[in-house]
Amino acid sequence: MLHADLLAAARGLAPDIVALRRAIHAEPELGLHTPRTRDKVRAALAGLPLDWREGPSTTGLVATLRGSAAPGAAGARRVLLRGDMDALPMPEETGLAFASTVPGTMHACGHDAHTAMLVGAARLLCARQAELAGEVQFMFQPGEEGHHGARFMLDDGLIDPLPDAAFALHVMPNAPHGLVGGRAGPLLAGADQIDIVVEGRGGHASLPHETLDPMPVACEIVMALQAMVTRKFSVHDPVVLTIARIEGGSTHNVIADRVAMRGTMRTLSPANRARIRESLAMVAEGIAAAHGLTARVTVTEGFPVTVCDPRAVDFGERITRDLLGAGAFQRLADPIMGAEDFAYLLEKVPGAMFFLGMAHADDDWRQCCGIHSTRMVLDETVLPHGAALLATLGARFLAEGFG
C-alpha cells in the first residue's frame, strides 16, 4: 500500500514532535503575529526542500513541497495541509513542567499540537519527495482564535494557486484516545459576535420612577432572545444565541444610564445567519422602545460555517482505517456549534477537517477537561498518529485524488 510505512516513521519522529509541541506550549502567542512560533517552525524544517512564503498581514507561513511532477501535468495534483499556531488569552492551571511562561496566555485549544503534527507531516513527506506526484502546501496559520488568520493569508496571496483539496486536524482532549471523527456537510457553525447597548436615564436607586432604568429592560431582552430562538427557528437547522456578559452600573444605589451586553450567535446555514440578525435587532429595539428606551445592536461577523465535502470525508475515513485500523474512524451524527476559520479554505476548495481524540488511554474521556479549559491536557502519544494521518492524506490525495 502507498506510503504504508508512514505511521512507523512518524513514531520514529515522536521525540522531536513532542519536544516541538512543548516548546510552543511554553511560549504561547496571541493573534495574527506569532513570531516565536514561526521561528520554531522554520528551525524545525530547516534544510528541507521547501519553498517558503510569508505575507504582510500575519506571521503565517506556507511551505511548499514539490514532488516529481508539477500540478497540472498528467493528472498531478496540489493538496494543502493546515495547522494553526495561536493561543488563547487565559491562564494555565495544568501544573505541567512545560506550562506557559507567559502570564495570562495558554495553548488551551491544541494549536501547539496542530503545529507540531504538521511539522512532523512535512518532515515525513520531504523524506519521500521523489514518490510524490504533485505539490503539498503546508499552511502554518496564526490568528485562528477569532482573528480571521486564514482569510488574511488567502487575501495576501499565500495560497495562490489554490489547492485541489485541503485537510486539517483538530485535537479533542475529551474524546477517546486516538479516535478520528468527521462528518460530511456542516461540521462547525458560523459564529458572530453580538453587542447590545440599552440607553436610558439614570438616577437614584430609591426613585426608579424618575429614571428610565435600562437594567430590567436588558434582562427582558435576554429572556426574549431565548424565546425567539426556540419559537422562530427550527431545531432541524440549529441556532444558538448566548448573552455571555452584562455590564452596567457602578454601585448599589445608582441606576445606570446604560447597560451593555455581549454574546454570540451561531448558525449552520446562511439563511438563518441572515435571519437571526434581523430578528435580534427587532426584538432588542422593540422591547427597549416599549419602555421608552433605545437599544443599539451591533453584529460583528465571525467565521463562516465549516462545511466538509462528502468526497473528502469518505476519503479521510478510508485513509484513517487503512492507517490506524478499522475502528479508528467515527462518523459524527451532528455538527458542533463551535467555529473554525478553516472554513475560509473550505469555501474555496473541497476538503475536510477531522477531530483527533487526545484523552489518555487509561482515563475516562468523558471526565477530561475540554478545549478552552485552564486545565486542558493532551496525551502526546497520539501526536505521531496525527502527523502520519496528515502526511498520508496528502500523499494519497496526490496519488489518487478523492478516489
Protein backbone atom coordinates (compact mmCIF):
# COMPACT_ATOMS: atom_id res chain seq x y z
CA MET A 1 0.00 0.00 0.00
CA LEU A 2 1.23 3.51 -0.86
CA HIS A 3 3.26 5.03 2.00
CA ALA A 4 2.33 2.20 4.35
CA ASP A 5 5.45 2.96 6.39
CA LEU A 6 4.39 6.49 7.35
CA LEU A 7 3.00 5.54 10.76
CA ALA A 8 6.20 3.75 11.78
CA ALA A 9 8.25 6.68 10.50
CA ALA A 10 6.09 9.12 12.45
CA ARG A 11 6.62 7.13 15.62
CA GLY A 12 10.34 7.46 14.99
CA LEU A 13 9.89 11.24 14.94
CA ALA A 14 7.85 11.23 18.16
CA PRO A 15 10.57 12.73 20.40
CA ASP A 16 11.01 15.67 18.03
CA ILE A 17 7.26 16.21 17.57
CA VAL A 18 6.67 16.16 21.33
CA ALA A 19 9.63 18.46 22.03
CA LEU A 20 8.38 21.00 19.49
CA ARG A 21 4.85 20.88 20.92
CA ARG A 22 6.21 21.51 24.42
CA ALA A 23 8.44 24.37 23.28
CA ILE A 24 5.50 26.08 21.57
CA HIS A 25 3.26 25.39 24.58
CA ALA A 26 5.70 27.08 26.94
CA GLU A 27 5.82 30.28 24.87
CA PRO A 28 2.27 30.88 23.63
CA GLU A 29 1.47 33.84 21.40
CA LEU A 30 -1.79 35.57 20.53
CA GLY A 31 -3.41 36.84 17.38
CA LEU A 32 -2.09 37.34 13.89
CA HIS A 33 1.55 37.75 14.87
CA THR A 34 3.29 34.76 16.42
CA PRO A 35 6.96 35.32 15.58
CA ARG A 36 8.46 32.97 18.17
CA THR A 37 6.24 30.15 16.98
CA ARG A 38 7.04 30.94 13.34
CA ASP A 39 10.76 30.80 14.11
CA LYS A 40 10.38 27.44 15.86
CA VAL A 41 8.64 26.06 12.76
CA ARG A 42 11.32 27.39 10.43
CA ALA A 43 14.05 25.92 12.62
CA ALA A 44 12.34 22.52 12.81
CA LEU A 45 12.13 22.36 9.00
CA ALA A 46 15.48 23.98 8.16
CA GLY A 47 17.40 22.38 5.33
CA LEU A 48 14.41 20.58 3.83
CA PRO A 49 13.36 21.04 0.16
CA LEU A 50 10.61 23.55 0.90
CA ASP A 51 9.78 26.87 -0.71
CA TRP A 52 8.54 29.41 1.82
CA ARG A 53 6.01 32.21 1.53
CA GLU A 54 5.16 34.88 4.10
CA GLY A 55 2.73 37.77 3.78
CA PRO A 56 2.39 41.30 5.15
CA SER A 57 -0.73 40.78 7.27
CA THR A 58 0.38 37.95 9.57
CA THR A 59 3.38 35.87 10.55
CA GLY A 60 1.76 32.92 8.80
CA LEU A 61 3.84 30.61 6.64
CA VAL A 62 3.16 28.44 3.64
CA ALA A 63 5.86 25.87 2.91
CA THR A 64 5.56 24.17 -0.47
CA LEU A 65 6.99 20.75 -1.28
CA ARG A 66 7.16 19.94 -4.98
CA GLY A 67 7.22 16.29 -5.96
CA SER A 68 8.25 14.56 -9.13
CA ALA A 69 5.51 16.09 -11.29
CA ALA A 70 4.15 19.62 -11.29
CA PRO A 71 0.40 20.15 -10.70
CA GLY A 72 -1.46 20.14 -13.98
CA ALA A 73 0.92 17.70 -15.65
CA ALA A 74 -0.68 14.34 -16.46
CA GLY A 75 -3.11 14.39 -13.55
CA ALA A 76 -0.70 15.77 -10.98
CA ARG A 77 -2.48 17.50 -8.08
CA ARG A 78 -1.95 20.07 -5.35
CA VAL A 79 -3.05 19.48 -1.73
CA LEU A 80 -2.97 21.74 1.34
CA LEU A 81 -2.45 20.61 4.94
CA ARG A 82 -3.10 23.19 7.66
CA GLY A 83 -2.09 23.71 11.28
CA ASP A 84 -2.86 26.80 13.38
CA MET A 85 -0.38 28.45 15.74
CA ASP A 86 -2.00 30.98 18.09
CA ALA A 87 -3.02 30.59 21.73
CA LEU A 88 -5.78 31.98 23.97
CA PRO A 89 -5.77 34.93 26.41
CA MET A 90 -6.32 32.85 29.56
CA PRO A 91 -4.25 31.50 32.46
CA GLU A 92 -2.93 27.95 32.62
CA GLU A 93 -3.58 25.70 35.61
CA THR A 94 -2.27 22.34 34.38
CA GLY A 95 0.85 22.14 36.54
CA LEU A 96 2.80 20.75 33.57
CA ALA A 97 6.57 21.04 33.59
CA PHE A 98 6.32 22.86 30.25
CA ALA A 99 3.35 25.07 31.21
CA SER A 100 3.02 28.55 29.78
CA THR A 101 5.69 31.03 30.84
CA VAL A 102 3.59 33.93 29.53
CA PRO A 103 1.12 35.19 32.15
CA GLY A 104 -2.50 35.13 31.02
CA THR A 105 -1.77 33.18 27.83
CA MET A 106 -2.23 29.45 27.22
CA HIS A 107 -2.40 26.93 24.40
CA ALA A 108 -5.80 25.69 25.55
CA CYS A 109 -7.14 24.81 22.11
CA GLY A 110 -4.38 22.46 20.99
CA HIS A 111 -2.80 24.66 18.34
CA ASP A 112 0.63 23.79 19.71
CA ALA A 113 -0.19 20.16 18.88
CA HIS A 114 -1.58 21.07 15.46
CA THR A 115 1.62 22.89 14.54
CA ALA A 116 3.87 20.10 15.83
CA MET A 117 1.90 17.43 13.95
CA LEU A 118 2.05 19.46 10.73
CA VAL A 119 5.81 19.86 11.11
CA GLY A 120 6.02 16.08 11.56
CA ALA A 121 3.94 15.56 8.40
CA ALA A 122 6.21 17.92 6.46
CA ARG A 123 9.30 16.00 7.55
CA LEU A 124 7.68 12.69 6.60
CA LEU A 125 6.75 13.88 3.12
CA CYS A 126 10.03 15.69 2.48
CA ALA A 127 11.77 12.34 3.06
CA ARG A 128 9.54 10.89 0.31
CA GLN A 129 9.68 13.78 -2.12
CA ALA A 130 10.55 11.59 -5.10
CA GLU A 131 7.41 9.49 -4.55
CA LEU A 132 5.04 12.46 -4.67
CA ALA A 133 3.38 13.23 -7.99
CA GLY A 134 2.28 16.78 -7.30
CA GLU A 135 2.62 19.50 -4.70
CA VAL A 136 1.93 19.81 -0.98
CA GLN A 137 1.28 23.16 0.70
CA PHE A 138 1.90 23.18 4.47
CA MET A 139 -0.08 26.10 5.91
CA PHE A 140 1.10 27.32 9.32
CA GLN A 141 -1.55 29.82 10.34
CA PRO A 142 -1.77 32.29 13.22
CA GLY A 143 -4.89 34.17 14.23
CA GLU A 144 -7.43 31.35 14.32
CA GLU A 145 -8.86 32.38 17.69
CA GLY A 146 -11.23 35.00 16.32
CA HIS A 147 -8.68 36.93 14.26
CA HIS A 148 -9.50 35.55 10.77
CA GLY A 149 -5.93 34.43 10.12
CA ALA A 150 -6.89 32.07 7.29
CA ARG A 151 -8.77 34.84 5.49
CA PHE A 152 -5.78 37.17 5.79
CA MET A 153 -3.41 34.54 4.40
CA LEU A 154 -5.76 33.95 1.47
CA ASP A 155 -6.04 37.70 0.85
CA ASP A 156 -2.25 38.02 0.96
CA GLY A 157 -1.99 35.53 -1.91
CA LEU A 158 -0.05 32.96 0.10
CA ILE A 159 -2.29 30.16 -1.18
CA ASP A 160 -2.23 31.05 -4.85
CA PRO A 161 -2.81 28.96 -6.85
CA LEU A 162 -5.47 27.28 -4.77
CA PRO A 163 -5.06 23.58 -3.98
CA ASP A 164 -7.29 20.82 -5.30
CA ALA A 165 -8.09 19.75 -1.74
CA ALA A 166 -7.42 20.89 1.84
CA PHE A 167 -7.28 18.94 5.11
CA ALA A 168 -6.83 19.83 8.79
CA LEU A 169 -6.91 18.06 12.14
CA HIS A 170 -8.24 19.44 15.42
CA VAL A 171 -7.35 17.72 18.68
CA MET A 172 -10.11 16.92 21.18
CA PRO A 173 -8.79 16.28 24.71
CA ASN A 174 -12.16 14.93 25.86
CA ALA A 175 -12.62 12.39 23.06
CA PRO A 176 -11.47 8.74 23.04
CA HIS A 177 -7.75 8.13 22.69
CA GLY A 178 -6.69 8.11 19.03
CA LEU A 179 -10.22 8.14 17.60
CA VAL A 180 -10.70 10.23 14.44
CA GLY A 181 -14.10 11.84 13.87
CA GLY A 182 -15.67 13.66 10.96
CA ARG A 183 -18.85 14.26 9.03
CA ALA A 184 -19.97 15.42 5.59
CA GLY A 185 -21.68 18.80 5.33
CA PRO A 186 -21.68 21.30 8.19
CA LEU A 187 -19.13 20.30 10.81
CA LEU A 188 -18.87 23.55 12.76
CA ALA A 189 -21.05 26.63 12.96
CA GLY A 190 -20.79 30.13 11.62
CA ALA A 191 -20.26 32.45 14.60
CA ASP A 192 -20.94 36.16 15.01
CA GLN A 193 -20.43 38.47 18.00
CA ILE A 194 -23.39 40.42 19.38
CA ASP A 195 -23.17 43.77 21.19
CA ILE A 196 -26.34 45.41 22.51
CA VAL A 197 -26.33 48.74 24.35
CA VAL A 198 -29.55 49.74 26.10
CA GLU A 199 -29.69 53.52 26.68
CA GLY A 200 -31.90 55.02 29.38
CA ARG A 201 -31.66 57.77 32.00
CA GLY A 202 -30.04 57.06 35.32
CA GLY A 203 -30.64 58.39 38.78
CA HIS A 204 -31.07 57.45 42.42
CA ALA A 205 -31.99 53.81 43.05
CA SER A 206 -34.68 54.89 45.52
CA LEU A 207 -36.53 56.81 42.79
CA PRO A 208 -36.75 54.44 39.80
CA HIS A 209 -39.95 56.14 38.60
CA GLU A 210 -37.94 59.27 37.90
CA THR A 211 -35.48 57.35 35.69
CA LEU A 212 -35.55 55.20 32.59
CA ASP A 213 -33.84 52.16 34.11
CA PRO A 214 -32.00 50.13 31.44
CA MET A 215 -31.27 47.16 33.71
CA PRO A 216 -34.70 45.45 33.76
CA VAL A 217 -35.07 46.21 30.06
CA ALA A 218 -31.74 44.49 29.35
CA CYS A 219 -32.86 41.48 31.37
CA GLU A 220 -36.13 41.36 29.47
CA ILE A 221 -34.22 41.44 26.18
CA VAL A 222 -32.05 38.48 27.24
CA MET A 223 -35.05 36.34 28.07
CA ALA A 224 -36.93 37.39 24.93
CA LEU A 225 -33.99 36.44 22.75
CA GLN A 226 -34.01 32.92 24.16
CA ALA A 227 -37.72 32.61 23.46
CA MET A 228 -37.17 33.99 19.96
CA VAL A 229 -34.65 31.24 19.14
CA THR A 230 -36.94 28.45 20.29
CA ARG A 231 -40.04 29.86 18.60
CA LYS A 232 -38.76 31.25 15.29
CA PHE A 233 -36.06 28.75 14.29
CA SER A 234 -36.43 25.06 13.52
CA VAL A 235 -34.49 22.61 15.66
CA HIS A 236 -33.51 20.90 12.39
CA ASP A 237 -31.48 23.96 11.33
CA PRO A 238 -29.96 24.88 14.69
CA VAL A 239 -29.38 28.36 16.09
CA VAL A 240 -27.56 29.05 19.36
CA LEU A 241 -27.70 32.54 20.87
CA THR A 242 -25.94 33.30 24.14
CA ILE A 243 -25.61 36.58 26.01
CA ALA A 244 -22.42 35.93 27.95
CA ARG A 245 -21.75 39.32 29.54
CA ILE A 246 -23.90 42.11 31.02
CA GLU A 247 -22.27 45.29 32.32
CA GLY A 248 -23.96 48.30 33.85
CA GLY A 249 -23.97 50.46 36.93
CA SER A 250 -21.28 51.47 39.36
CA THR A 251 -22.64 50.88 42.86
CA HIS A 252 -25.65 49.55 44.80
CA ASN A 253 -27.76 52.71 44.92
CA VAL A 254 -27.29 54.25 41.47
CA ILE A 255 -29.40 53.45 38.42
CA ALA A 256 -27.14 53.47 35.37
CA ASP A 257 -27.68 55.43 32.17
CA ARG A 258 -26.87 52.41 30.04
CA VAL A 259 -26.33 48.67 30.12
CA ALA A 260 -24.03 46.88 27.65
CA MET A 261 -24.43 43.23 26.73
CA ARG A 262 -22.16 40.97 24.70
CA GLY A 263 -22.71 37.50 23.34
CA THR A 264 -22.53 35.16 20.39
CA MET A 265 -24.90 33.70 17.85
CA ARG A 266 -24.12 30.53 15.94
CA THR A 267 -25.84 29.08 12.90
CA LEU A 268 -25.40 26.27 10.39
CA SER A 269 -26.94 27.93 7.33
CA PRO A 270 -26.52 31.29 5.56
CA ALA A 271 -30.30 31.78 5.61
CA ASN A 272 -30.56 31.53 9.39
CA ARG A 273 -27.42 33.61 9.82
CA ALA A 274 -29.09 36.50 7.98
CA ARG A 275 -32.49 35.94 9.55
CA ILE A 276 -31.30 35.93 13.15
CA ARG A 277 -29.53 39.25 12.65
CA GLU A 278 -32.81 40.84 11.59
CA SER A 279 -34.78 39.16 14.39
CA LEU A 280 -32.21 40.14 17.01
CA ALA A 281 -32.47 43.84 16.16
CA MET A 282 -36.26 43.69 16.00
CA VAL A 283 -36.56 42.14 19.46
CA ALA A 284 -33.98 44.31 21.23
CA GLU A 285 -35.07 47.60 19.70
CA GLY A 286 -38.77 46.80 20.09
CA ILE A 287 -38.54 45.89 23.79
CA ALA A 288 -36.46 48.98 24.55
CA ALA A 289 -38.92 51.21 22.70
CA ALA A 290 -41.85 49.71 24.57
CA HIS A 291 -40.29 51.04 27.80
CA GLY A 292 -39.30 54.42 26.36
CA LEU A 293 -35.61 53.50 25.98
CA THR A 294 -33.40 52.76 22.98
CA ALA A 295 -31.27 49.76 22.10
CA ARG A 296 -28.34 49.78 19.70
CA VAL A 297 -27.43 46.41 18.19
CA THR A 298 -24.06 45.68 16.57
CA VAL A 299 -23.20 42.35 14.97
CA THR A 300 -19.52 41.67 14.26
CA GLU A 301 -19.24 39.00 11.62
CA GLY A 302 -17.17 35.99 12.58
CA PHE A 303 -16.24 32.78 10.80
CA PRO A 304 -18.49 31.15 8.23
CA VAL A 305 -19.88 27.63 8.58
CA THR A 306 -17.23 24.90 8.25
CA VAL A 307 -18.61 22.67 5.50
CA CYS A 308 -16.81 19.40 4.71
CA ASP A 309 -17.00 17.93 1.22
CA PRO A 310 -18.58 14.44 1.27
CA ARG A 311 -15.84 13.09 -1.04
CA ALA A 312 -13.14 14.41 1.28
CA VAL A 313 -14.79 12.86 4.34
CA ASP A 314 -15.17 9.48 2.60
CA PHE A 315 -11.52 9.72 1.56
CA GLY A 316 -10.43 10.61 5.11
CA GLU A 317 -12.37 7.70 6.53
CA ARG A 318 -10.69 5.23 4.14
CA ILE A 319 -7.25 6.65 4.89
CA THR A 320 -7.80 6.56 8.65
CA ARG A 321 -8.99 2.96 8.62
CA ASP A 322 -6.07 1.90 6.39
CA LEU A 323 -3.54 3.70 8.58
CA LEU A 324 -4.88 3.31 12.11
CA GLY A 325 -7.28 0.37 11.97
CA ALA A 326 -10.89 -0.41 11.14
CA GLY A 327 -12.24 1.06 14.38
CA ALA A 328 -10.25 4.29 14.25
CA PHE A 329 -12.85 6.44 12.48
CA GLN A 330 -16.26 7.56 13.69
CA ARG A 331 -18.91 9.46 11.75
CA LEU A 332 -20.32 12.30 13.82
CA ALA A 333 -24.10 12.36 13.83
CA ASP A 334 -24.40 16.08 14.46
CA PRO A 335 -22.40 19.26 13.88
CA ILE A 336 -20.65 21.03 16.73
CA MET A 337 -21.65 24.65 17.34
CA GLY A 338 -18.08 25.84 17.80
CA ALA A 339 -16.46 27.73 14.91
CA GLU A 340 -13.23 27.46 12.90
CA ASP A 341 -11.63 29.74 10.36
CA PHE A 342 -10.51 26.74 8.29
CA ALA A 343 -14.00 27.41 6.94
CA TYR A 344 -12.48 30.12 4.72
CA LEU A 345 -10.41 27.46 2.93
CA LEU A 346 -13.36 25.11 2.60
CA GLU A 347 -15.43 27.87 1.00
CA LYS A 348 -12.92 27.89 -1.86
CA VAL A 349 -11.74 24.30 -2.23
CA PRO A 350 -13.13 20.86 -1.35
CA GLY A 351 -11.74 19.34 1.81
CA ALA A 352 -12.42 18.37 5.38
CA MET A 353 -11.42 18.88 8.98
CA PHE A 354 -11.22 15.86 11.27
CA PHE A 355 -11.16 15.66 15.05
CA LEU A 356 -8.48 13.59 16.77
CA GLY A 357 -9.19 12.20 20.25
CA MET A 358 -6.38 13.02 22.68
CA ALA A 359 -7.64 11.71 26.03
CA HIS A 360 -5.16 9.50 27.83
CA ALA A 361 -5.85 5.85 27.12
CA ASP A 362 -6.46 4.96 30.78
CA ASP A 363 -8.71 7.96 31.52
CA ASP A 364 -12.48 8.22 31.25
CA TRP A 365 -12.55 10.62 28.32
CA ARG A 366 -15.97 11.92 29.39
CA GLN A 367 -14.39 13.37 32.53
CA CYS A 368 -11.43 15.02 30.79
CA CYS A 369 -11.23 18.81 30.51
CA GLY A 370 -12.18 20.06 27.07
CA ILE A 371 -10.65 22.71 24.88
CA HIS A 372 -10.50 26.24 26.29
CA SER A 373 -10.12 24.87 29.83
CA THR A 374 -7.32 26.18 32.05
CA ARG A 375 -6.61 22.52 32.93
CA MET A 376 -6.67 21.01 29.45
CA VAL A 377 -4.02 18.34 28.82
CA LEU A 378 -3.29 16.05 25.87
CA ASP A 379 -1.91 12.54 25.52
CA GLU A 380 1.20 13.22 23.47
CA THR A 381 1.47 9.59 22.36
CA VAL A 382 -1.27 10.40 19.83
CA LEU A 383 0.79 13.15 18.15
CA PRO A 384 2.64 10.77 15.78
CA HIS A 385 -0.74 9.36 14.68
CA GLY A 386 -1.82 12.87 13.71
CA ALA A 387 1.41 13.57 11.83
CA ALA A 388 1.14 10.27 9.95
CA LEU A 389 -2.53 10.87 9.15
CA LEU A 390 -1.85 14.33 7.72
CA ALA A 391 1.06 13.01 5.67
CA THR A 392 -0.97 10.08 4.37
CA LEU A 393 -3.91 12.30 3.46
CA GLY A 394 -1.54 14.45 1.43
CA ALA A 395 0.38 11.65 -0.26
CA ARG A 396 -2.64 9.53 -1.11
CA PHE A 397 -4.60 12.51 -2.45
CA LEU A 398 -1.73 13.32 -4.81
CA ALA A 399 -1.70 9.71 -5.96
CA GLU A 400 -5.43 9.01 -6.15
CA GLY A 401 -7.48 12.15 -5.76
CA PHE A 402 -10.63 11.52 -3.75
CA GLY A 403 -10.81 8.08 -5.36
